[in-house]
Amino acid sequence: MISVFMKTEKEIEEYGKEIEKRLLETESMDAMKYYQGVLRTLDWVITGIDV
């Protein structure tokens, strides 16, 4: 996983799109939970709002 704290919002957004793609393509429930957690974390980093 990348360190999101030294990235620009654009880089974080691009990474989020890649994670969304992986989430849609995976069939593993564990991987789905992991990717959903990554997306929540990215949202928190950008907005500061815990979702």
Protein backbone atom coordinates (compact mmCIF):
# COMPACT_ATOMS: atom_id res chain seq x y z
CA MET A 1 0.00 0.00 0.00
CA ILE A 2 1.18 3.51 -0.72
CA SER A 3 1.82 6.10 1.94
CA VAL A 4 -1.02 8.51 1.29
CA PHE A 5 0.30 11.25 3.54
CA MET A 6 2.95 12.41 1.06
CA LYS A 7 0.75 12.20 -2.03
CA THR A 8 -1.31 14.83 -3.80
CA GLU A 9 -5.09 14.62 -3.92
CA LYS A 10 -4.85 13.72 -7.62
CA GLU A 11 -2.50 10.80 -6.87
CA ILE A 12 -4.79 9.61 -4.08
CA GLU A 13 -7.80 9.85 -6.41
CA GLU A 14 -6.00 7.78 -9.07
CA TYR A 15 -5.06 5.18 -6.47
CA GLY A 16 -8.69 5.11 -5.30
CA LYS A 17 -9.86 4.36 -8.84
CA GLU A 18 -7.42 1.45 -9.03
CA ILE A 19 -8.70 0.10 -5.69
CA GLU A 20 -12.33 0.44 -6.88
CA LYS A 21 -11.42 -1.55 -10.00
CA ARG A 22 -9.80 -4.28 -7.89
CA LEU A 23 -12.84 -4.33 -5.59
CA LEU A 24 -15.18 -4.94 -8.53
CA GLU A 25 -12.97 -7.66 -10.00
CA THR A 26 -12.26 -9.71 -6.87
CA GLU A 27 -14.28 -12.71 -5.79
CA SER A 28 -12.63 -13.06 -2.39
CA MET A 29 -14.71 -11.76 0.53
CA ASP A 30 -11.54 -10.98 2.48
CA ALA A 31 -10.15 -8.94 -0.41
CA MET A 32 -13.47 -7.08 -0.72
CA LYS A 33 -13.35 -6.11 2.96
CA TYR A 34 -9.73 -5.02 2.60
CA TYR A 35 -10.40 -2.86 -0.47
CA GLN A 36 -13.47 -1.30 1.17
CA GLY A 37 -11.31 -0.40 4.16
CA VAL A 38 -8.70 1.15 1.87
CA LEU A 39 -11.37 3.26 0.16
CA ARG A 40 -12.73 4.43 3.54
CA THR A 41 -9.22 5.37 4.60
CA LEU A 42 -8.62 7.31 1.39
CA ASP A 43 -11.91 9.19 1.91
CA TRP A 44 -10.83 10.05 5.45
CA VAL A 45 -7.42 11.27 4.29
CA ILE A 46 -8.99 13.56 1.67
CA THR A 47 -12.04 14.82 3.57
CA GLY A 48 -11.14 14.33 7.22
CA ILE A 49 -14.60 12.82 7.69
CA ASP A 50 -14.82 9.30 9.10
CA VAL A 51 -17.29 7.30 6.99
